[in-house]
C-alpha atoms as a PDB file:
ATOM      1  CA  UNK A   1    -149.823-124.381  27.284  1.00  0.00           C
ATOM      2  CA  UNK A   2    -151.466-121.500  26.136  1.00  0.00           C
ATOM      3  CA  UNK A   3    -153.659-120.749  28.797  1.00  0.00           C
ATOM      4  CA  UNK A   4    -151.674-120.585  30.615  1.00  0.00           C
ATOM      5  CA  UNK A   5    -149.844-117.565  29.054  1.00  0.00           C
ATOM      6  CA  UNK A   6    -152.527-115.883  28.296  1.00  0.00           C
ATOM      7  CA  UNK A   7    -153.335-116.659  32.713  1.00  0.00           C
ATOM      8  CA  UNK A   8    -149.711-115.379  33.014  1.00  0.00           C
ATOM      9  CA  UNK A   9    -150.177-112.585  31.031  1.00  0.00           C
ATOM     10  CA  UNK A  10    -153.476-111.663  32.759  1.00  0.00           C
ATOM     11  CA  UNK A  11    -151.680-111.770  36.153  1.00  0.00           C
ATOM     12  CA  UNK A  12    -149.268-109.793  35.420  1.00  0.00           C
ATOM     13  CA  UNK A  13    -151.104-106.449  33.741  1.00  0.00           C
ATOM     14  CA  UNK A  14    -152.850-106.904  37.296  1.00  0.00           C
ATOM     15  CA  UNK A  15    -149.776-106.974  39.449  1.00  0.00           C
ATOM     16  CA  UNK A  16    -148.552-104.445  36.711  1.00  0.00           C
ATOM     17  CA  UNK A  17    -151.136-101.821  37.339  1.00  0.00           C
ATOM     18  CA  UNK A  18    -150.660-102.155  41.253  1.00  0.00           C
ATOM     19  CA  UNK A  19    -154.460-101.484  41.850  1.00  0.00           C
ATOM     20  CA  UNK A  20    -155.043-101.807  45.383  1.00  0.00           C
ATOM     21  CA  UNK A  21    -159.013-102.749  46.825  1.00  0.00           C
ATOM     22  CA  UNK A  22    -159.392-101.342  50.185  1.00  0.00           C
ATOM     23  CA  UNK A  23    -162.443-101.225  52.312  1.00  0.00           C
ATOM     24  CA  UNK A  24    -164.326-101.333  49.377  1.00  0.00           C
ATOM     25  CA  UNK A  25    -162.821 -98.797  47.261  1.00  0.00           C
ATOM     26  CA  UNK A  26    -160.168 -98.947  44.800  1.00  0.00           C
ATOM     27  CA  UNK A  27    -156.745 -96.944  45.255  1.00  0.00           C
ATOM     28  CA  UNK A  28    -154.379 -96.014  42.725  1.00  0.00           C
ATOM     29  CA  UNK A  29    -150.777 -96.460  43.334  1.00  0.00           C
ATOM     30  CA  UNK A  30    -149.874 -93.205  42.462  1.00  0.00           C
ATOM     31  CA  UNK A  31    -146.630 -91.998  42.857  1.00  0.00           C
ATOM     32  CA  UNK A  32    -146.067 -88.118  44.916  1.00  0.00           C
ATOM     33  CA  UNK A  33    -142.805 -86.334  44.858  1.00  0.00           C
ATOM     34  CA  UNK A  34    -142.663 -84.205  47.839  1.00  0.00           C
ATOM     35  CA  UNK A  35    -139.479 -81.921  49.373  1.00  0.00           C
ATOM     36  CA  UNK A  36    -138.146 -81.683  53.386  1.00  0.00           C
ATOM     37  CA  UNK A  37    -136.837 -79.260  54.288  1.00  0.00           C
ATOM     38  CA  UNK A  38    -133.937 -80.612  57.745  1.00  0.00           C
ATOM     39  CA  UNK A  39    -132.755 -78.815  59.689  1.00  0.00           C
ATOM     40  CA  UNK A  40    -129.239 -80.458  62.190  1.00  0.00           C
ATOM     41  CA  UNK A  41    -127.357 -82.295  59.616  1.00  0.00           C
ATOM     42  CA  UNK A  42    -123.840 -81.257  59.530  1.00  0.00           C
ATOM     43  CA  UNK A  43    -121.547 -84.439  57.171  1.00  0.00           C
ATOM     44  CA  UNK A  44    -122.782 -86.137  54.414  1.00  0.00           C
ATOM     45  CA  UNK A  45    -123.234 -88.904  56.201  1.00  0.00           C
ATOM     46  CA  UNK A  46    -125.898 -87.438  57.909  1.00  0.00           C
ATOM     47  CA  UNK A  47    -127.106 -86.856  53.895  1.00  0.00           C
ATOM     48  CA  UNK A  48    -126.539 -90.878  52.776  1.00  0.00           C
ATOM     49  CA  UNK A  49    -127.861 -91.972  56.304  1.00  0.00           C
ATOM     50  CA  UNK A  50    -131.068 -90.132  56.374  1.00  0.00           C
ATOM     51  CA  UNK A  51    -132.124 -90.848  52.638  1.00  0.00           C
ATOM     52  CA  UNK A  52    -131.116 -95.144  53.186  1.00  0.00           C
ATOM     53  CA  UNK A  53    -133.632 -94.836  56.162  1.00  0.00           C
ATOM     54  CA  UNK A  54    -136.491 -93.126  54.223  1.00  0.00           C
ATOM     55  CA  UNK A  55    -135.879 -95.950  51.926  1.00  0.00           C
ATOM     56  CA  UNK A  56    -136.331 -98.777  54.449  1.00  0.00           C
ATOM     57  CA  UNK A  57    -140.126 -97.384  54.913  1.00  0.00           C
ATOM     58  CA  UNK A  58    -142.651 -99.597  52.860  1.00  0.00           C
ATOM     59  CA  UNK A  59    -144.400 -97.660  50.198  1.00  0.00           C
ATOM     60  CA  UNK A  60    -141.027 -94.870  49.120  1.00  0.00           C
ATOM     61  CA  UNK A  61    -139.607 -95.749  46.229  1.00  0.00           C
ATOM     62  CA  UNK A  62    -136.949 -93.166  46.224  1.00  0.00           C
ATOM     63  CA  UNK A  63    -135.041 -90.311  48.783  1.00  0.00           C
ATOM     64  CA  UNK A  64    -132.986 -87.757  46.768  1.00  0.00           C
ATOM     65  CA  UNK A  65    -130.302 -85.614  49.247  1.00  0.00           C
ATOM     66  CA  UNK A  66    -129.399 -82.403  48.085  1.00  0.00           C
ATOM     67  CA  UNK A  67    -126.855 -80.474  49.247  1.00  0.00           C
ATOM     68  CA  UNK A  68    -125.541 -80.196  53.283  1.00  0.00           C
ATOM     69  CA  UNK A  69    -125.872 -76.874  54.712  1.00  0.00           C
ATOM     70  CA  UNK A  70    -127.956 -75.317  57.766  1.00  0.00           C
ATOM     71  CA  UNK A  71    -131.113 -76.767  56.017  1.00  0.00           C
ATOM     72  CA  UNK A  72    -130.279 -79.741  54.092  1.00  0.00           C
ATOM     73  CA  UNK A  73    -133.639 -80.442  51.367  1.00  0.00           C
ATOM     74  CA  UNK A  74    -134.686 -83.995  50.546  1.00  0.00           C
ATOM     75  CA  UNK A  75    -136.368 -84.964  47.698  1.00  0.00           C
ATOM     76  CA  UNK A  76    -138.937 -88.071  48.386  1.00  0.00           C
ATOM     77  CA  UNK A  77    -140.948 -90.015  45.959  1.00  0.00           C
ATOM     78  CA  UNK A  78    -143.428 -92.247  47.739  1.00  0.00           C
ATOM     79  CA  UNK A  79    -146.846 -94.016  47.145  1.00  0.00           C
ATOM     80  CA  UNK A  80    -149.213 -92.227  49.576  1.00  0.00           C
ATOM     81  CA  UNK A  81    -151.611 -95.013  49.730  1.00  0.00           C
ATOM     82  CA  UNK A  82    -148.833 -97.070  51.821  1.00  0.00           C
ATOM     83  CA  UNK A  83    -146.875 -94.525  53.614  1.00  0.00           C
ATOM     84  CA  UNK A  84    -147.620 -90.970  54.556  1.00  0.00           C
ATOM     85  CA  UNK A  85    -145.720 -87.867  55.329  1.00  0.00           C
ATOM     86  CA  UNK A  86    -145.806 -88.331  58.876  1.00  0.00           C
ATOM     87  CA  UNK A  87    -144.095 -91.707  58.598  1.00  0.00           C
ATOM     88  CA  UNK A  88    -141.476 -90.123  56.568  1.00  0.00           C
ATOM     89  CA  UNK A  89    -140.987 -87.252  59.181  1.00  0.00           C
ATOM     90  CA  UNK A  90    -140.834 -89.919  61.940  1.00  0.00           C
ATOM     91  CA  UNK A  91    -137.914 -91.625  60.323  1.00  0.00           C
ATOM     92  CA  UNK A  92    -136.315 -88.393  59.394  1.00  0.00           C
ATOM     93  CA  UNK A  93    -136.400 -87.436  63.263  1.00  0.00           C
ATOM     94  CA  UNK A  94    -136.017 -90.692  64.488  1.00  0.00           C
ATOM     95  CA  UNK A  95    -132.880 -91.301  62.769  1.00  0.00           C
ATOM     96  CA  UNK A  96    -129.319 -91.241  65.214  1.00  0.00           C
ATOM     97  CA  UNK A  97    -126.981 -88.374  65.357  1.00  0.00           C
ATOM     98  CA  UNK A  98    -123.273 -89.380  62.751  1.00  0.00           C
ATOM     99  CA  UNK A  99    -121.374 -88.687  66.555  1.00  0.00           C
ATOM    100  CA  UNK A 100    -123.722 -89.809  69.059  1.00  0.00           C
ATOM    101  CA  UNK A 101    -125.921 -93.018  68.463  1.00  0.00           C
ATOM    102  CA  UNK A 102    -128.226 -91.964  71.365  1.00  0.00           C
ATOM    103  CA  UNK A 103    -128.891 -88.588  70.322  1.00  0.00           C
ATOM    104  CA  UNK A 104    -131.659 -87.534  67.590  1.00  0.00           C
ATOM    105  CA  UNK A 105    -130.461 -84.088  65.772  1.00  0.00           C
ATOM    106  CA  UNK A 106    -132.778 -83.813  62.669  1.00  0.00           C
ATOM    107  CA  UNK A 107    -136.034 -81.802  62.712  1.00  0.00           C
ATOM    108  CA  UNK A 108    -137.896 -81.322  60.267  1.00  0.00           C
ATOM    109  CA  UNK A 109    -138.121 -77.767  58.804  1.00  0.00           C
ATOM    110  CA  UNK A 110    -142.302 -76.506  58.257  1.00  0.00           C
END
């Protein structure tokens, strides 16, 4: 029984360290925070929808929308070993518009 407890503790520690091996290189799981400016947000529902779509990406921990305006900001916390900024930009720009689901009105401002 004691050996099982020790084994479980070691497995938990290994998982909680979140070390990933890729192509023989060890990558540490680190969180990166970026702020992205988005044009085309016209209502508060847009903020929520965009934030929810970005959060669905594997590797994104959080996406907090700022105030609505001509250019809205989103603070995104993500693991660059699992998702890149290009995928985040694509998720934003592929989000359907509030008034027309066929429209893709959101553009990332560089």
